Amino acid sequence: MAAFHLPRERRPNYRFGFTAFADTMFQLLIFFILSSGMTPFSLITLKTAAAMTEGGTGDGGGDGSSPAAAVAPPELALWTIEGGELLISGQRFPYDMLPALAEALGTPAAPADVVLIVRGSAQVQDVATVLSALQAANVGSVRIAAEGG
């Protein structure tokens, strides 16, 4: 009697094709490159309040004999940053008026302090635009606060 030899069960050979995966990754890469903001943000040095009070005032020793000690305290300006505009004392200003608004703050002898209130509609580029305009003006310090927080 002849024995039956059953064929061996072959294991399926699954292979992953990387061509479709690579095509998808390149398409995603191109999409994110084109959809991201290509605007460079300004590099602005920020000082903390502690650094400004620890001898960073430059008034010559703090004995009251320097001309800086006789200057009146700086004024405080509150600016609210919204999406695409500034709100100052109840008036709305577009960003193209930033240089004039910033130059109106204080004088070289008595620079003004500014508090920026950032609303939820503002973007990072809005804050960077306002900060770069303030950096070029007569501003003593800038503080940033989020609305409601």
N, C-alpha and C. Protein backbone atom coordinates (compact mmCIF):
# COMPACT_ATOMS: atom_id res chain seq x y z
N MET A 1 0.82 -1.15 0.00
CA MET A 1 0.00 0.00 0.00
C MET A 1 0.89 1.24 0.00
N ALA A 2 0.58 2.19 -0.86
CA ALA A 2 1.38 3.40 -1.02
C ALA A 2 0.96 4.44 0.00
N ALA A 3 1.93 5.09 0.54
CA ALA A 3 1.64 6.13 1.54
C ALA A 3 1.39 7.46 0.83
N PHE A 4 0.43 8.12 1.35
CA PHE A 4 0.13 9.45 0.81
C PHE A 4 1.00 10.48 1.51
N HIS A 5 1.65 11.24 0.72
CA HIS A 5 2.43 12.34 1.28
C HIS A 5 1.66 13.64 1.05
N LEU A 6 1.22 14.17 2.14
CA LEU A 6 0.50 15.43 2.05
C LEU A 6 1.51 16.57 1.85
N PRO A 7 1.15 17.53 1.03
CA PRO A 7 2.08 18.65 0.84
C PRO A 7 2.23 19.44 2.15
N ARG A 8 3.42 19.88 2.35
CA ARG A 8 3.66 20.68 3.55
C ARG A 8 2.91 22.00 3.44
N GLU A 9 2.47 22.41 4.60
CA GLU A 9 1.76 23.69 4.63
C GLU A 9 2.78 24.82 4.57
N ARG A 10 2.67 25.64 3.59
CA ARG A 10 3.61 26.75 3.44
C ARG A 10 3.13 27.95 4.25
N ARG A 11 4.07 28.53 4.91
CA ARG A 11 3.73 29.74 5.66
C ARG A 11 3.69 30.90 4.68
N PRO A 12 2.67 31.72 4.81
CA PRO A 12 2.60 32.86 3.88
C PRO A 12 3.73 33.84 4.16
N ASN A 13 4.27 34.38 3.14
CA ASN A 13 5.38 35.31 3.23
C ASN A 13 4.83 36.73 3.05
N TYR A 14 4.65 37.41 4.16
CA TYR A 14 4.14 38.77 4.11
C TYR A 14 5.33 39.72 4.03
N ARG A 15 5.27 40.63 3.09
CA ARG A 15 6.32 41.63 2.95
C ARG A 15 5.66 43.00 2.95
N PHE A 16 6.33 43.89 3.61
CA PHE A 16 5.83 45.26 3.68
C PHE A 16 6.50 46.08 2.59
N GLY A 17 5.70 46.70 1.76
CA GLY A 17 6.25 47.54 0.69
C GLY A 17 6.51 48.95 1.20
N PHE A 18 7.75 49.36 1.21
CA PHE A 18 8.10 50.68 1.72
C PHE A 18 7.89 51.79 0.70
N THR A 19 7.61 51.46 -0.51
CA THR A 19 7.43 52.51 -1.53
C THR A 19 6.23 53.38 -1.21
N ALA A 20 5.11 52.77 -0.89
CA ALA A 20 3.91 53.55 -0.56
C ALA A 20 4.11 54.34 0.73
N PHE A 21 4.80 53.75 1.68
CA PHE A 21 5.07 54.44 2.94
C PHE A 21 5.95 55.67 2.71
N ALA A 22 7.00 55.53 1.92
CA ALA A 22 7.89 56.65 1.63
C ALA A 22 7.17 57.75 0.86
N ASP A 23 6.33 57.37 -0.09
CA ASP A 23 5.55 58.37 -0.83
C ASP A 23 4.64 59.15 0.11
N THR A 24 4.00 58.46 1.03
CA THR A 24 3.11 59.13 1.98
C THR A 24 3.89 60.07 2.89
N MET A 25 5.04 59.65 3.35
CA MET A 25 5.85 60.49 4.24
C MET A 25 6.32 61.76 3.52
N PHE A 26 6.73 61.62 2.26
CA PHE A 26 7.16 62.81 1.51
C PHE A 26 5.99 63.75 1.26
N GLN A 27 4.82 63.22 0.99
CA GLN A 27 3.66 64.08 0.80
C GLN A 27 3.30 64.82 2.09
N LEU A 28 3.38 64.13 3.22
CA LEU A 28 3.12 64.79 4.50
C LEU A 28 4.18 65.86 4.79
N LEU A 29 5.41 65.55 4.51
CA LEU A 29 6.48 66.51 4.73
C LEU A 29 6.27 67.76 3.90
N ILE A 30 5.95 67.60 2.64
CA ILE A 30 5.71 68.75 1.77
C ILE A 30 4.50 69.53 2.24
N PHE A 31 3.44 68.84 2.68
CA PHE A 31 2.25 69.53 3.16
C PHE A 31 2.58 70.40 4.37
N PHE A 32 3.31 69.85 5.35
CA PHE A 32 3.60 70.62 6.56
C PHE A 32 4.58 71.75 6.30
N ILE A 33 5.50 71.58 5.37
CA ILE A 33 6.41 72.66 5.03
C ILE A 33 5.65 73.81 4.39
N LEU A 34 4.75 73.51 3.48
CA LEU A 34 4.02 74.56 2.78
C LEU A 34 2.95 75.20 3.64
N SER A 35 2.39 74.48 4.58
CA SER A 35 1.31 75.05 5.39
C SER A 35 1.81 75.75 6.64
N SER A 36 3.08 75.58 6.99
CA SER A 36 3.59 76.25 8.19
C SER A 36 3.93 77.69 7.86
N GLY A 37 3.94 78.51 8.89
CA GLY A 37 4.30 79.92 8.70
C GLY A 37 5.79 80.04 8.46
N MET A 38 6.18 80.68 7.40
CA MET A 38 7.59 80.81 7.06
C MET A 38 8.14 82.16 7.53
N THR A 39 7.38 82.89 8.37
CA THR A 39 7.82 84.19 8.84
C THR A 39 8.78 84.01 10.00
N PRO A 40 9.96 84.58 9.93
CA PRO A 40 10.89 84.45 11.07
C PRO A 40 10.45 85.36 12.20
N PHE A 41 10.57 84.88 13.41
CA PHE A 41 10.22 85.67 14.58
C PHE A 41 11.45 86.47 15.01
N SER A 42 11.21 87.64 15.54
CA SER A 42 12.31 88.50 15.99
C SER A 42 12.89 87.93 17.28
N LEU A 43 14.20 88.04 17.39
CA LEU A 43 14.86 87.64 18.62
C LEU A 43 14.92 88.86 19.53
N ILE A 44 14.26 88.75 20.66
CA ILE A 44 14.16 89.87 21.57
C ILE A 44 14.67 89.43 22.93
N THR A 45 15.57 90.21 23.51
CA THR A 45 16.05 89.89 24.85
C THR A 45 15.04 90.41 25.86
N LEU A 46 14.67 89.56 26.78
CA LEU A 46 13.72 89.92 27.82
C LEU A 46 14.44 89.92 29.17
N LYS A 47 14.15 90.90 29.98
CA LYS A 47 14.72 90.97 31.32
C LYS A 47 13.62 90.71 32.33
N THR A 48 13.96 89.98 33.37
CA THR A 48 12.99 89.75 34.43
C THR A 48 13.00 90.95 35.37
N ALA A 49 11.97 91.07 36.19
CA ALA A 49 11.89 92.17 37.13
C ALA A 49 13.01 92.08 38.16
N ALA A 50 13.39 90.86 38.53
CA ALA A 50 14.47 90.69 39.51
C ALA A 50 15.80 91.16 38.93
N ALA A 51 16.06 90.90 37.66
CA ALA A 51 17.31 91.32 37.03
C ALA A 51 17.38 92.84 36.91
N MET A 52 16.24 93.48 36.74
CA MET A 52 16.23 94.93 36.60
C MET A 52 16.45 95.62 37.94
N THR A 53 16.01 95.01 39.04
CA THR A 53 16.17 95.64 40.35
C THR A 53 17.50 95.32 40.99
N GLU A 54 18.23 94.30 40.51
CA GLU A 54 19.51 93.90 41.09
C GLU A 54 20.68 94.63 40.44
N GLY A 55 20.71 95.92 40.51
CA GLY A 55 21.86 96.66 40.00
C GLY A 55 21.83 96.86 38.50
N GLY A 56 20.81 96.46 37.82
CA GLY A 56 20.75 96.65 36.38
C GLY A 56 20.15 97.98 35.99
N THR A 57 19.96 98.88 36.96
CA THR A 57 19.34 100.16 36.66
C THR A 57 20.31 101.16 36.07
N GLY A 58 21.61 101.03 36.39
CA GLY A 58 22.61 101.93 35.82
C GLY A 58 22.53 103.34 36.34
N ASP A 59 22.10 103.55 37.62
CA ASP A 59 21.96 104.90 38.12
C ASP A 59 23.18 105.38 38.89
N GLY A 60 24.28 104.63 38.86
CA GLY A 60 25.51 105.13 39.43
C GLY A 60 25.66 104.87 40.92
N GLY A 61 25.07 103.87 41.48
CA GLY A 61 25.32 103.54 42.87
C GLY A 61 24.12 103.68 43.77
N GLY A 62 23.10 104.37 43.37
CA GLY A 62 21.88 104.45 44.15
C GLY A 62 21.97 105.38 45.35
N ASP A 63 22.91 106.35 45.36
CA ASP A 63 23.01 107.25 46.50
C ASP A 63 22.14 108.49 46.34
N GLY A 64 21.43 108.60 45.23
CA GLY A 64 20.52 109.72 45.01
C GLY A 64 21.20 110.92 44.40
N SER A 65 22.51 110.87 44.15
CA SER A 65 23.22 112.03 43.62
C SER A 65 23.25 112.06 42.10
N SER A 66 22.83 111.00 41.45
CA SER A 66 22.89 110.95 39.99
C SER A 66 21.67 111.63 39.38
N PRO A 67 21.78 112.06 38.12
CA PRO A 67 20.63 112.69 37.45
C PRO A 67 19.45 111.75 37.29
N ALA A 68 19.70 110.43 37.20
CA ALA A 68 18.60 109.49 37.02
C ALA A 68 17.70 109.43 38.24
N ALA A 69 18.24 109.76 39.42
CA ALA A 69 17.44 109.72 40.63
C ALA A 69 16.43 110.86 40.67
N ALA A 70 16.70 111.95 39.95
CA ALA A 70 15.80 113.10 39.96
C ALA A 70 14.68 112.98 38.94
N VAL A 71 14.74 111.99 38.07
CA VAL A 71 13.73 111.83 37.03
C VAL A 71 12.47 111.22 37.64
N ALA A 72 11.32 111.68 37.20
CA ALA A 72 10.04 111.15 37.69
C ALA A 72 9.90 109.68 37.31
N PRO A 73 9.13 108.92 38.08
CA PRO A 73 8.94 107.52 37.75
C PRO A 73 8.27 107.38 36.37
N PRO A 74 8.59 106.30 35.66
CA PRO A 74 8.04 106.15 34.31
C PRO A 74 6.53 105.92 34.34
N GLU A 75 5.90 106.30 33.25
CA GLU A 75 4.47 106.06 33.13
C GLU A 75 4.23 104.62 32.70
N LEU A 76 3.04 104.14 32.95
CA LEU A 76 2.68 102.76 32.63
C LEU A 76 1.62 102.77 31.54
N ALA A 77 1.87 102.05 30.46
CA ALA A 77 0.93 101.96 29.35
C ALA A 77 0.36 100.54 29.29
N LEU A 78 -0.94 100.43 29.12
CA LEU A 78 -1.60 99.14 28.96
C LEU A 78 -2.02 98.98 27.52
N TRP A 79 -1.47 97.98 26.86
CA TRP A 79 -1.82 97.68 25.47
C TRP A 79 -2.42 96.28 25.43
N THR A 80 -3.53 96.15 24.72
CA THR A 80 -4.17 94.85 24.54
C THR A 80 -3.94 94.40 23.11
N ILE A 81 -3.38 93.20 22.96
CA ILE A 81 -3.10 92.65 21.63
C ILE A 81 -4.25 91.73 21.25
N GLU A 82 -4.89 92.06 20.16
CA GLU A 82 -5.94 91.22 19.60
C GLU A 82 -5.47 90.74 18.23
N GLY A 83 -6.23 89.89 17.61
CA GLY A 83 -5.87 89.40 16.29
C GLY A 83 -5.85 90.52 15.27
N GLY A 84 -4.68 91.01 14.91
CA GLY A 84 -4.55 91.99 13.85
C GLY A 84 -4.61 93.44 14.27
N GLU A 85 -4.80 93.73 15.57
CA GLU A 85 -4.88 95.12 15.99
C GLU A 85 -4.54 95.27 17.47
N LEU A 86 -4.31 96.52 17.86
CA LEU A 86 -4.04 96.87 19.25
C LEU A 86 -5.21 97.64 19.82
N LEU A 87 -5.47 97.43 21.09
CA LEU A 87 -6.50 98.19 21.80
C LEU A 87 -5.78 99.00 22.88
N ILE A 88 -5.78 100.33 22.71
CA ILE A 88 -5.09 101.23 23.63
C ILE A 88 -6.08 102.29 24.07
N SER A 89 -6.36 102.35 25.35
CA SER A 89 -7.28 103.34 25.93
C SER A 89 -8.62 103.36 25.21
N GLY A 90 -9.12 102.21 24.87
CA GLY A 90 -10.43 102.10 24.23
C GLY A 90 -10.42 102.33 22.74
N GLN A 91 -9.28 102.65 22.15
CA GLN A 91 -9.19 102.88 20.71
C GLN A 91 -8.47 101.72 20.05
N ARG A 92 -8.88 101.39 18.86
CA ARG A 92 -8.27 100.30 18.10
C ARG A 92 -7.31 100.88 17.07
N PHE A 93 -6.13 100.27 17.02
CA PHE A 93 -5.09 100.72 16.09
C PHE A 93 -4.58 99.53 15.29
N PRO A 94 -4.40 99.69 13.96
CA PRO A 94 -3.79 98.60 13.18
C PRO A 94 -2.28 98.56 13.44
N TYR A 95 -1.67 97.45 13.06
CA TYR A 95 -0.24 97.27 13.31
C TYR A 95 0.64 98.21 12.50
N ASP A 96 0.13 98.79 11.42
CA ASP A 96 0.97 99.69 10.66
C ASP A 96 1.22 101.01 11.41
N MET A 97 0.48 101.26 12.49
CA MET A 97 0.69 102.46 13.30
C MET A 97 1.60 102.18 14.49
N LEU A 98 2.14 100.96 14.59
CA LEU A 98 2.98 100.59 15.73
C LEU A 98 4.20 101.48 15.93
N PRO A 99 4.96 101.82 14.89
CA PRO A 99 6.14 102.67 15.12
C PRO A 99 5.79 104.01 15.75
N ALA A 100 4.73 104.65 15.28
CA ALA A 100 4.33 105.95 15.84
C ALA A 100 3.82 105.80 17.27
N LEU A 101 3.07 104.75 17.53
CA LEU A 101 2.56 104.52 18.89
C LEU A 101 3.69 104.23 19.87
N ALA A 102 4.67 103.45 19.42
CA ALA A 102 5.78 103.09 20.30
C ALA A 102 6.66 104.30 20.58
N GLU A 103 6.89 105.14 19.58
CA GLU A 103 7.73 106.32 19.77
C GLU A 103 7.05 107.34 20.69
N ALA A 104 5.72 107.32 20.79
CA ALA A 104 5.01 108.24 21.66
C ALA A 104 5.13 107.87 23.13
N LEU A 105 5.66 106.69 23.41
CA LEU A 105 5.82 106.24 24.79
C LEU A 105 7.10 106.82 25.39
N GLY A 106 6.98 107.60 26.40
CA GLY A 106 8.13 108.05 27.16
C GLY A 106 9.14 108.87 26.37
N THR A 107 10.24 109.15 27.05
CA THR A 107 11.35 109.89 26.46
C THR A 107 12.62 109.13 26.79
N PRO A 108 13.74 109.48 26.16
CA PRO A 108 14.98 108.81 26.54
C PRO A 108 15.35 108.99 28.02
N ALA A 109 14.98 110.14 28.59
CA ALA A 109 15.27 110.38 30.01
C ALA A 109 14.32 109.62 30.92
N ALA A 110 13.08 109.42 30.49
CA ALA A 110 12.08 108.72 31.30
C ALA A 110 11.32 107.74 30.42
N PRO A 111 11.88 106.56 30.16
CA PRO A 111 11.19 105.60 29.31
C PRO A 111 9.94 105.04 30.00
N ALA A 112 8.96 104.74 29.22
CA ALA A 112 7.69 104.23 29.74
C ALA A 112 7.77 102.72 29.93
N ASP A 113 6.96 102.22 30.84
CA ASP A 113 6.79 100.79 31.03
C ASP A 113 5.50 100.37 30.36
N VAL A 114 5.50 99.19 29.74
CA VAL A 114 4.34 98.72 28.99
C VAL A 114 3.91 97.36 29.52
N VAL A 115 2.60 97.20 29.69
CA VAL A 115 2.01 95.91 30.01
C VAL A 115 1.20 95.48 28.79
N LEU A 116 1.58 94.34 28.20
CA LEU A 116 0.87 93.81 27.05
C LEU A 116 -0.11 92.75 27.54
N ILE A 117 -1.38 92.94 27.25
CA ILE A 117 -2.41 91.96 27.59
C ILE A 117 -2.75 91.23 26.30
N VAL A 118 -2.50 89.93 26.28
CA VAL A 118 -2.68 89.14 25.07
C VAL A 118 -4.02 88.42 25.15
N ARG A 119 -4.89 88.71 24.20
CA ARG A 119 -6.19 88.05 24.13
C ARG A 119 -6.07 86.75 23.35
N GLY A 120 -7.09 85.92 23.46
CA GLY A 120 -7.07 84.61 22.82
C GLY A 120 -7.01 84.66 21.31
N SER A 121 -7.47 85.75 20.71
CA SER A 121 -7.45 85.84 19.24
C SER A 121 -6.08 86.22 18.70
N ALA A 122 -5.15 86.62 19.57
CA ALA A 122 -3.82 87.02 19.14
C ALA A 122 -2.97 85.79 18.83
N GLN A 123 -2.07 85.94 17.87
CA GLN A 123 -1.15 84.87 17.50
C GLN A 123 0.26 85.24 17.96
N VAL A 124 1.14 84.29 17.90
CA VAL A 124 2.52 84.51 18.34
C VAL A 124 3.17 85.61 17.51
N GLN A 125 2.89 85.64 16.23
CA GLN A 125 3.48 86.66 15.36
C GLN A 125 2.99 88.05 15.75
N ASP A 126 1.74 88.18 16.24
CA ASP A 126 1.25 89.48 16.71
C ASP A 126 2.08 89.97 17.89
N VAL A 127 2.35 89.09 18.83
CA VAL A 127 3.16 89.46 20.00
C VAL A 127 4.58 89.82 19.57
N ALA A 128 5.16 89.04 18.66
CA ALA A 128 6.52 89.32 18.20
C ALA A 128 6.59 90.66 17.46
N THR A 129 5.57 90.99 16.69
CA THR A 129 5.54 92.27 15.97
C THR A 129 5.50 93.44 16.94
N VAL A 130 4.64 93.33 17.96
CA VAL A 130 4.53 94.42 18.94
C VAL A 130 5.83 94.55 19.75
N LEU A 131 6.40 93.42 20.15
CA LEU A 131 7.64 93.47 20.93
C LEU A 131 8.80 94.06 20.14
N SER A 132 8.89 93.75 18.87
CA SER A 132 9.98 94.32 18.07
C SER A 132 9.80 95.82 17.88
N ALA A 133 8.56 96.30 17.78
CA ALA A 133 8.32 97.75 17.68
C ALA A 133 8.67 98.44 19.00
N LEU A 134 8.35 97.79 20.12
CA LEU A 134 8.66 98.38 21.42
C LEU A 134 10.15 98.37 21.70
N GLN A 135 10.87 97.39 21.17
CA GLN A 135 12.31 97.31 21.38
C GLN A 135 13.01 98.50 20.73
N ALA A 136 12.47 98.97 19.62
CA ALA A 136 13.09 100.09 18.90
C ALA A 136 12.71 101.44 19.49
N ALA A 137 11.78 101.47 20.47
CA ALA A 137 11.29 102.73 21.02
C ALA A 137 11.87 102.98 22.42
N ASN A 138 11.44 104.08 23.03
CA ASN A 138 11.88 104.45 24.38
C ASN A 138 11.02 103.75 25.42
N VAL A 139 11.29 102.47 25.63
CA VAL A 139 10.51 101.68 26.56
C VAL A 139 11.45 101.11 27.62
N GLY A 140 11.07 101.29 28.89
CA GLY A 140 11.90 100.79 29.97
C GLY A 140 11.75 99.30 30.17
N SER A 141 10.52 98.83 30.30
CA SER A 141 10.29 97.40 30.49
C SER A 141 8.96 97.02 29.86
N VAL A 142 8.85 95.75 29.54
CA VAL A 142 7.63 95.21 28.95
C VAL A 142 7.23 93.99 29.77
N ARG A 143 5.98 93.95 30.16
CA ARG A 143 5.43 92.79 30.86
C ARG A 143 4.30 92.24 30.00
N ILE A 144 4.23 90.91 29.96
CA ILE A 144 3.22 90.25 29.13
C ILE A 144 2.29 89.48 30.04
N ALA A 145 0.98 89.66 29.83
CA ALA A 145 -0.03 88.96 30.61
C ALA A 145 -1.07 88.40 29.67
N ALA A 146 -1.56 87.21 29.99
CA ALA A 146 -2.65 86.63 29.20
C ALA A 146 -3.97 87.08 29.78
N GLU A 147 -4.93 87.35 28.91
CA GLU A 147 -6.23 87.78 29.39
C GLU A 147 -6.91 86.64 30.14
N GLY A 148 -7.38 86.94 31.32
CA GLY A 148 -8.08 85.93 32.12
C GLY A 148 -7.14 85.00 32.86
N GLY A 149 -5.84 85.26 32.88
CA GLY A 149 -4.92 84.34 33.53
C GLY A 149 -3.80 84.97 34.19
